[in-house]
Amino acid sequence: MKTATRVGVFGLLGSGNLGNDGSLEAVLGYLRTEHPDAVVDALCGGPEAVTTRFGIPATRLHWNRAEYRTASRAGAIVSKGVGKLVDVFRTAAWVRRHDVVIVPGMGVLEATLPLRPWGFPYSLFLLCASGRLLGTRVALVSVGAAEIRNRPTRALVRWSARLAAYRSYRDAQSRDAMRAMGVDTARDEVYPDLAFSLPTPQTSAPSGSPGTVCLGVMDFHGGNDDRARADEIHRRYLDGTIRFVRTLVEEGRPIRLLTGDQCDVAVVEAILDAVDSPLVTAAEPASLADLMKEMAAADTVVAVRYHNLICALKTGTPVLALSYAAKSDALMDRMGLGAFCHPAREVDADRLLEQFRTLEKRSAELRQVLTERNQAAAEQLAEQFAALNAALFPAADQPHTLRKAS
């Protein structure tokens, strides 16, 4: 009798980041449609949240429960060190129980936000090395990547990619970055972000008068290479954003503040304190579906987080990107809105307002462009899932077709 395929999903899932959980939701939708008999569980950052929301068993990613807290005392430092050793065996034991492990989307091969090498990069390396040693196929599916300067992080990311059995990227820049870091990407493909495969809420025609502007905020302090000036970057971003909001409120525009991660709440509170107006309200989205519903009802969106941008683009709502990394620029260009990017590190409220007004003037034209680009993204993701079927779930009576990554 044929046994069910055992599939694991891996990543910083259930930890409060809506984009990461949206990527998981997309992969679970694929598995339930294409491989309904597969037995699925997760190794992730927030196992309780994943089990509650998605109904699959989940195991905590790290043995040390204080993994992401700064260790200042000797005991905490020792505990972290012991945890790194214990995780070698925990990860290998978990990988051994599976036929396939999928890392669903996310920027797992990049360091565009502050990142320590012995955090997630180390965990990903353990996963991919365990998969190669134990014969479990590990797939990095529509992931994000960027060239990394920090040598330990760069080495861990490069070897993780090399050891994975399957790789695909969410944009060409990601593939180019891995090639630049010494990974053979000749057989790696580029597909849209997995979130583009999620259901889209019903949209309504924009009203004749200026309506709501959704503002997707982020607790932004720069990237991994900006640690020395993180406070300055955050203050400039926040001050420019507040001035932008204040100007729109003075013009009578309703502003809806949206988050993409639990840590973004601090920025929402700062804006509400600075702009005391009933026109400024905040939502508490719990999923990308919640974000899309908010954005579908808006005239225009301005957003920082990558998956906030995707939600706006997917609903066909014109969006202006406060771009903090090349991935945002690449996404906007791919969807036909490349002219509407503004640097998150140097928010200039006057320039931002000028771009915003141009975006609104071209709203009808851009909505049509987005309709066409979303259709193309859906077709490309259908190809991605077909490629996964061939690579990860080969028919029992066919030769194994999965390529070996170099």
Protein backbone atom coordinates (compact mmCIF):
# COMPACT_ATOMS: atom_id res chain seq x y z
CA MET A 1 0.00 0.00 0.00
CA LYS A 2 1.33 3.44 -0.95
CA THR A 3 2.18 5.59 2.07
CA ALA A 4 1.30 9.30 2.22
CA THR A 5 4.05 11.76 1.39
CA ARG A 6 5.37 13.49 4.50
CA VAL A 7 5.83 17.21 3.86
CA GLY A 8 7.40 19.70 6.24
CA VAL A 9 7.20 23.49 5.98
CA PHE A 10 9.95 25.60 7.52
CA GLY A 11 10.53 29.25 8.38
CA LEU A 12 9.77 32.21 10.63
CA LEU A 13 6.09 31.37 10.49
CA GLY A 14 3.51 32.22 13.12
CA SER A 15 5.79 34.92 14.54
CA GLY A 16 3.61 37.91 13.71
CA ASN A 17 4.78 38.68 10.17
CA LEU A 18 1.73 38.62 7.87
CA GLY A 19 3.81 38.20 4.71
CA ASN A 20 5.54 35.08 5.97
CA ASP A 21 2.25 33.54 7.04
CA GLY A 22 0.71 34.47 3.70
CA SER A 23 3.46 32.53 1.93
CA LEU A 24 2.67 29.52 4.12
CA GLU A 25 -1.03 29.88 3.35
CA ALA A 26 -0.26 29.84 -0.38
CA VAL A 27 1.83 26.65 -0.14
CA LEU A 28 -0.76 24.91 2.03
CA GLY A 29 -3.40 25.81 -0.57
CA TYR A 30 -1.23 24.23 -3.26
CA LEU A 31 -0.64 21.07 -1.20
CA ARG A 32 -4.31 20.66 -0.31
CA THR A 33 -5.31 21.01 -3.96
CA GLU A 34 -2.56 19.02 -5.66
CA HIS A 35 -1.56 16.58 -2.89
CA PRO A 36 -4.52 16.22 -0.53
CA ASP A 37 -3.16 13.01 0.97
CA ALA A 38 0.14 14.59 2.04
CA VAL A 39 0.81 14.68 5.79
CA VAL A 40 1.99 18.21 6.60
CA ASP A 41 3.61 19.74 9.66
CA ALA A 42 5.89 22.71 10.42
CA LEU A 43 9.17 23.66 12.09
CA CYS A 44 8.67 27.34 12.75
CA GLY A 45 9.01 30.40 14.96
CA GLY A 46 5.46 30.42 16.35
CA PRO A 47 4.17 26.83 16.47
CA GLU A 48 1.09 27.58 18.57
CA ALA A 49 -0.07 30.30 16.16
CA VAL A 50 0.56 28.09 13.12
CA THR A 51 -1.40 25.18 14.58
CA THR A 52 -4.28 27.42 15.66
CA ARG A 53 -4.61 29.21 12.33
CA PHE A 54 -3.67 26.55 9.79
CA GLY A 55 -4.59 23.34 11.61
CA ILE A 56 -1.25 21.56 11.18
CA PRO A 57 1.10 20.21 13.89
CA ALA A 58 4.07 22.49 14.49
CA THR A 59 7.38 22.31 16.34
CA ARG A 60 9.33 25.23 17.76
CA LEU A 61 12.26 26.25 15.53
CA HIS A 62 14.72 26.80 18.39
CA TRP A 63 15.39 24.82 21.55
CA ASN A 64 16.26 28.06 23.34
CA ARG A 65 13.01 29.94 23.92
CA ALA A 66 14.94 33.20 24.37
CA GLU A 67 16.68 32.88 20.99
CA TYR A 68 15.67 36.34 19.76
CA ARG A 69 16.32 38.19 23.01
CA THR A 70 19.66 39.93 23.51
CA ALA A 71 21.83 37.84 25.81
CA SER A 72 23.72 40.01 28.32
CA ARG A 73 24.18 37.71 31.31
CA ALA A 74 26.56 34.76 31.34
CA GLY A 75 23.75 32.26 31.82
CA ALA A 76 21.81 33.58 28.84
CA ILE A 77 24.93 33.49 26.67
CA VAL A 78 25.66 29.89 27.67
CA SER A 79 22.02 28.95 27.03
CA LYS A 80 22.23 30.38 23.52
CA GLY A 81 25.42 28.47 22.82
CA VAL A 82 23.95 25.21 24.09
CA GLY A 83 20.83 25.90 22.03
CA LYS A 84 22.86 26.14 18.83
CA LEU A 85 24.32 22.70 19.48
CA VAL A 86 21.00 21.14 20.48
CA ASP A 87 19.35 22.57 17.36
CA VAL A 88 21.75 20.59 15.17
CA PHE A 89 20.19 17.37 16.42
CA ARG A 90 16.64 18.69 16.73
CA THR A 91 16.65 19.95 13.13
CA ALA A 92 18.15 16.73 11.78
CA ALA A 93 15.60 14.61 13.66
CA TRP A 94 12.74 16.70 12.28
CA VAL A 95 14.07 16.62 8.72
CA ARG A 96 14.54 12.84 8.86
CA ARG A 97 10.80 12.35 9.40
CA HIS A 98 9.94 13.95 6.02
CA ASP A 99 10.13 13.11 2.34
CA VAL A 100 10.02 16.78 1.34
CA VAL A 101 10.58 20.07 3.18
CA ILE A 102 9.36 23.33 1.64
CA VAL A 103 10.61 26.77 2.60
CA PRO A 104 7.64 28.86 1.36
CA GLY A 105 8.69 32.22 -0.09
CA MET A 106 9.97 34.88 2.32
CA GLY A 107 13.31 36.67 2.07
CA VAL A 108 15.26 33.74 3.50
CA LEU A 109 18.40 34.42 1.39
CA GLU A 110 18.69 38.13 2.09
CA ALA A 111 19.74 40.52 4.86
CA THR A 112 17.82 43.64 3.87
CA LEU A 113 16.72 43.99 7.51
CA PRO A 114 18.98 43.61 10.59
CA LEU A 115 20.08 39.97 10.82
CA ARG A 116 22.61 38.04 12.89
CA PRO A 117 24.36 35.06 11.22
CA TRP A 118 23.66 32.70 14.12
CA GLY A 119 19.95 33.41 14.02
CA PHE A 120 17.82 32.38 11.06
CA PRO A 121 20.73 31.96 8.56
CA TYR A 122 22.20 29.29 10.85
CA SER A 123 18.81 27.57 11.18
CA LEU A 124 18.35 27.52 7.42
CA PHE A 125 21.82 26.07 6.96
CA LEU A 126 21.05 23.29 9.44
CA LEU A 127 17.88 22.51 7.51
CA CYS A 128 19.53 22.32 4.10
CA ALA A 129 22.59 20.42 5.35
CA SER A 130 20.34 17.90 7.13
CA GLY A 131 18.30 17.46 3.99
CA ARG A 132 21.36 16.73 1.89
CA LEU A 133 22.83 14.30 4.45
CA LEU A 134 19.58 12.45 5.15
CA GLY A 135 18.14 12.32 1.62
CA THR A 136 15.17 14.62 2.30
CA ARG A 137 14.39 16.99 -0.58
CA VAL A 138 14.54 20.62 0.63
CA ALA A 139 12.94 23.19 -1.66
CA LEU A 140 13.38 26.97 -1.50
CA VAL A 141 10.25 28.11 -3.31
CA SER A 142 9.89 31.64 -4.78
CA VAL A 143 12.27 33.00 -2.15
CA GLY A 144 13.92 36.41 -1.97
CA ALA A 145 17.69 36.86 -2.03
CA ALA A 146 20.17 39.72 -1.96
CA GLU A 147 23.94 40.00 -1.96
CA ILE A 148 25.23 39.94 1.61
CA ARG A 149 28.41 41.66 2.78
CA ASN A 150 28.75 40.17 6.26
CA ARG A 151 31.03 37.18 5.72
CA PRO A 152 29.54 34.66 8.19
CA THR A 153 25.98 35.43 7.04
CA ARG A 154 27.05 35.32 3.39
CA ALA A 155 28.71 31.92 3.85
CA LEU A 156 25.71 30.39 5.65
CA VAL A 157 23.26 31.69 3.04
CA ARG A 158 25.44 30.56 0.13
CA TRP A 159 25.82 27.04 1.49
CA SER A 160 22.13 26.80 2.33
CA ALA A 161 21.28 27.57 -1.29
CA ARG A 162 23.89 25.15 -2.61
CA LEU A 163 22.64 22.32 -0.42
CA ALA A 164 18.95 22.78 -1.25
CA ALA A 165 17.52 20.30 -3.74
CA TYR A 166 15.30 22.86 -5.48
CA ARG A 167 15.45 26.63 -5.77
CA SER A 168 13.23 29.26 -7.36
CA TYR A 169 13.18 33.01 -6.79
CA ARG A 170 10.53 35.71 -6.62
CA ASP A 171 12.46 38.09 -8.90
CA ALA A 172 15.43 38.08 -11.27
CA GLN A 173 17.47 40.22 -8.88
CA SER A 174 17.35 37.45 -6.30
CA ARG A 175 18.67 34.90 -8.75
CA ASP A 176 21.40 37.33 -9.86
CA ALA A 177 22.39 37.91 -6.23
CA MET A 178 22.84 34.19 -5.58
CA ARG A 179 24.88 33.85 -8.75
CA ALA A 180 27.08 36.73 -7.58
CA MET A 181 27.59 34.91 -4.27
CA GLY A 182 28.87 31.80 -6.02
CA VAL A 183 25.76 29.64 -6.48
CA ASP A 184 25.16 27.94 -9.82
CA THR A 185 21.71 29.25 -10.82
CA ALA A 186 21.68 27.92 -14.39
CA ARG A 187 18.62 25.74 -13.72
CA ASP A 188 16.90 28.01 -11.21
CA GLU A 189 13.70 29.73 -12.34
CA VAL A 190 12.03 33.02 -11.43
CA TYR A 191 8.32 33.17 -10.52
CA PRO A 192 6.15 35.79 -8.78
CA ASP A 193 5.86 35.88 -5.01
CA LEU A 194 3.66 33.08 -3.66
CA ALA A 195 1.21 35.61 -2.20
CA PHE A 196 -0.01 36.34 -5.72
CA SER A 197 -1.71 32.91 -5.66
CA LEU A 198 -3.93 33.82 -2.69
CA PRO A 199 -7.63 34.61 -3.24
CA THR A 200 -8.39 38.24 -4.06
CA PRO A 201 -11.29 39.97 -2.29
CA GLN A 202 -14.08 41.53 -4.28
CA THR A 203 -13.22 45.08 -5.31
CA SER A 204 -15.57 47.99 -5.81
CA ALA A 205 -15.33 50.76 -8.36
CA PRO A 206 -13.62 53.89 -6.96
CA SER A 207 -15.94 56.72 -6.02
CA GLY A 208 -15.93 59.99 -7.92
CA SER A 209 -14.66 62.02 -4.95
CA PRO A 210 -11.27 61.51 -3.24
CA GLY A 211 -11.56 58.59 -0.84
CA THR A 212 -9.52 56.70 1.72
CA VAL A 213 -5.75 56.39 1.50
CA CYS A 214 -4.29 53.26 3.09
CA LEU A 215 -0.86 53.78 4.62
CA GLY A 216 1.06 50.60 5.31
CA VAL A 217 3.70 51.41 7.93
CA MET A 218 6.81 49.63 9.15
CA ASP A 219 9.05 49.85 12.19
CA PHE A 220 11.89 50.69 9.85
CA HIS A 221 15.46 51.29 11.05
CA GLY A 222 17.38 50.48 7.88
CA GLY A 223 19.05 47.26 6.84
CA ASN A 224 21.85 45.02 8.07
CA ASP A 225 24.52 47.47 6.88
CA ASP A 226 22.81 50.50 8.50
CA ARG A 227 23.14 49.59 12.17
CA ALA A 228 25.38 52.59 12.95
CA ARG A 229 22.72 55.06 11.80
CA ALA A 230 19.57 53.09 12.53
CA ASP A 231 18.07 55.74 14.81
CA GLU A 232 18.68 58.51 12.29
CA ILE A 233 17.06 56.48 9.49
CA HIS A 234 14.04 55.70 11.64
CA ARG A 235 13.55 59.34 12.67
CA ARG A 236 13.79 60.57 9.07
CA TYR A 237 11.33 57.93 7.91
CA LEU A 238 8.87 58.68 10.70
CA ASP A 239 9.09 62.48 10.40
CA GLY A 240 8.54 62.39 6.62
CA THR A 241 5.62 59.99 6.97
CA ILE A 242 3.94 62.10 9.65
CA ARG A 243 4.27 65.23 7.53
CA PHE A 244 2.74 63.36 4.57
CA VAL A 245 -0.21 62.21 6.69
CA ARG A 246 -0.74 65.65 8.19
CA THR A 247 -0.91 67.26 4.73
CA LEU A 248 -3.50 64.78 3.45
CA VAL A 249 -5.60 65.22 6.60
CA GLU A 250 -5.57 68.99 6.09
CA GLU A 251 -7.04 68.31 2.64
CA GLY A 252 -9.82 66.23 4.20
CA ARG A 253 -8.55 62.79 3.16
CA PRO A 254 -9.31 59.80 5.43
CA ILE A 255 -6.14 57.84 6.28
CA ARG A 256 -6.23 54.17 7.25
CA LEU A 257 -3.04 52.95 8.97
CA LEU A 258 -2.07 49.32 8.36
CA THR A 259 0.66 47.08 9.76
CA GLY A 260 2.40 44.00 8.40
CA ASP A 261 4.10 42.80 11.57
CA GLN A 262 3.42 43.09 15.29
CA CYS A 263 6.41 45.40 15.72
CA ASP A 264 4.81 48.02 13.43
CA VAL A 265 2.25 48.98 16.07
CA ALA A 266 4.74 51.44 17.59
CA VAL A 267 4.79 53.42 14.34
CA VAL A 268 0.99 53.48 14.18
CA GLU A 269 0.87 54.86 17.71
CA ALA A 270 3.48 57.52 16.90
CA ILE A 271 1.47 58.74 13.90
CA LEU A 272 -1.80 58.77 15.85
CA ASP A 273 -0.13 60.82 18.60
CA ALA A 274 1.38 63.28 16.12
CA VAL A 275 -1.75 63.74 13.96
CA ASP A 276 -4.72 64.01 16.29
CA SER A 277 -7.63 63.75 13.85
CA PRO A 278 -10.72 61.55 13.47
CA LEU A 279 -9.71 61.18 9.82
CA VAL A 280 -6.78 58.99 10.86
CA THR A 281 -7.75 55.48 11.97
CA ALA A 282 -5.90 52.21 12.34
CA ALA A 283 -6.79 48.64 11.45
CA GLU A 284 -5.51 45.46 13.10
CA PRO A 285 -5.05 43.04 10.19
CA ALA A 286 -4.41 39.43 11.16
CA SER A 287 -3.67 38.13 7.66
CA LEU A 288 -2.90 39.19 4.13
CA ALA A 289 -6.60 38.66 3.39
CA ASP A 290 -7.41 41.33 5.98
CA LEU A 291 -4.87 43.68 4.39
CA MET A 292 -6.31 43.08 0.92
CA LYS A 293 -9.85 43.84 2.11
CA GLU A 294 -8.69 47.18 3.51
CA MET A 295 -6.76 48.05 0.37
CA ALA A 296 -9.51 46.98 -2.02
CA ALA A 297 -11.79 49.55 -0.39
CA ALA A 298 -9.22 52.36 -0.73
CA ASP A 299 -8.59 54.78 -3.57
CA THR A 300 -4.83 54.64 -3.14
CA VAL A 301 -2.17 52.88 -1.06
CA VAL A 302 1.23 54.03 0.19
CA ALA A 303 3.23 51.21 1.77
CA VAL A 304 6.66 50.10 2.95
CA ARG A 305 6.54 46.38 3.64
CA TYR A 306 7.02 44.11 0.65
CA HIS A 307 3.87 42.08 1.22
CA ASN A 308 1.81 45.20 1.88
CA LEU A 309 2.81 46.27 -1.62
CA ILE A 310 1.80 42.87 -2.98
CA CYS A 311 -1.62 43.12 -1.32
CA ALA A 312 -2.26 46.50 -2.94
CA LEU A 313 -1.01 45.34 -6.33
CA LYS A 314 -3.05 42.15 -6.17
CA THR A 315 -6.27 44.06 -5.47
CA GLY A 316 -5.53 46.38 -8.39
CA THR A 317 -5.26 49.44 -6.15
CA PRO A 318 -2.67 52.01 -7.28
CA VAL A 319 0.20 51.99 -4.79
CA LEU A 320 3.23 54.12 -4.06
CA ALA A 321 6.15 52.19 -2.57
CA LEU A 322 8.30 53.57 0.22
CA SER A 323 11.11 51.33 -0.91
CA TYR A 324 13.67 50.01 1.59
CA ALA A 325 15.30 47.38 -0.65
CA ALA A 326 15.87 46.54 -4.30
CA LYS A 327 13.18 43.84 -4.07
CA SER A 328 10.49 46.52 -3.72
CA ASP A 329 11.75 48.38 -6.79
CA ALA A 330 11.85 45.13 -8.78
CA LEU A 331 8.29 44.23 -7.72
CA MET A 332 6.91 47.63 -8.66
CA ASP A 333 8.69 47.58 -12.00
CA ARG A 334 7.39 44.08 -12.75
CA MET A 335 3.83 45.23 -12.06
CA GLY A 336 4.11 48.37 -14.21
CA LEU A 337 4.45 50.93 -11.39
CA GLY A 338 8.21 51.37 -11.41
CA ALA A 339 7.89 55.17 -11.49
CA PHE A 340 6.15 55.19 -8.10
CA CYS A 341 8.97 54.30 -5.71
CA HIS A 342 10.30 56.59 -2.98
CA PRO A 343 13.32 55.82 -0.74
CA ALA A 344 12.24 54.83 2.78
CA ARG A 345 15.64 55.84 4.15
CA GLU A 346 15.23 59.44 2.97
CA VAL A 347 11.53 60.28 2.97
CA ASP A 348 11.02 63.72 1.41
CA ALA A 349 7.41 64.67 2.17
CA ASP A 350 7.20 67.22 -0.64
CA ARG A 351 8.49 64.80 -3.25
CA LEU A 352 6.33 62.02 -1.83
CA LEU A 353 3.22 64.19 -2.12
CA GLU A 354 4.12 65.05 -5.72
CA GLN A 355 4.44 61.36 -6.62
CA PHE A 356 1.20 60.60 -4.76
CA ARG A 357 -0.76 63.20 -6.73
CA THR A 358 0.62 61.86 -10.01
CA LEU A 359 -0.35 58.35 -8.97
CA GLU A 360 -3.93 59.43 -8.28
CA LYS A 361 -4.21 61.29 -11.59
CA ARG A 362 -3.23 58.10 -13.43
CA SER A 363 -5.41 55.83 -11.28
CA ALA A 364 -7.73 54.53 -14.03
CA GLU A 365 -4.83 53.75 -16.36
CA LEU A 366 -2.83 52.00 -13.63
CA ARG A 367 -5.78 49.88 -12.51
CA GLN A 368 -5.99 48.48 -16.03
CA VAL A 369 -2.25 47.78 -16.06
CA LEU A 370 -2.54 45.92 -12.77
CA THR A 371 -5.39 43.78 -14.06
CA GLU A 372 -3.17 42.59 -16.90
CA ARG A 373 -0.08 42.06 -14.73
CA ASN A 374 -2.04 40.11 -12.11
CA GLN A 375 -3.32 37.75 -14.78
CA ALA A 376 0.24 37.14 -15.94
CA ALA A 377 1.37 36.51 -12.33
CA ALA A 378 -1.39 33.91 -11.84
CA GLU A 379 -0.30 32.06 -14.98
CA GLN A 380 3.35 32.09 -13.91
CA LEU A 381 2.53 30.72 -10.46
CA ALA A 382 0.56 27.90 -12.06
CA GLU A 383 3.83 27.05 -13.83
CA GLN A 384 5.68 27.23 -10.48
CA PHE A 385 3.33 24.71 -8.89
CA ALA A 386 3.61 22.42 -11.91
CA ALA A 387 7.40 22.59 -11.56
CA LEU A 388 7.08 21.67 -7.88
CA ASN A 389 4.96 18.66 -8.79
CA ALA A 390 7.65 17.42 -11.14
CA ALA A 391 10.56 18.15 -8.80
CA LEU A 392 9.22 17.17 -5.40
CA PHE A 393 6.47 14.64 -6.08
CA PRO A 394 7.70 12.46 -8.97
CA ALA A 395 5.44 9.55 -9.93
CA ALA A 396 6.51 6.31 -8.28
CA ASP A 397 6.92 4.56 -11.63
CA GLN A 398 9.06 7.33 -13.15
CA PRO A 399 12.78 7.95 -12.67
CA HIS A 400 13.64 10.57 -10.08
CA THR A 401 13.81 13.85 -11.97
CA LEU A 402 14.95 16.19 -9.20
CA ARG A 403 18.15 17.94 -10.14
CA LYS A 404 21.03 18.21 -7.74
CA ALA A 405 21.78 21.77 -6.70
CA SER A 406 25.43 22.78 -6.85
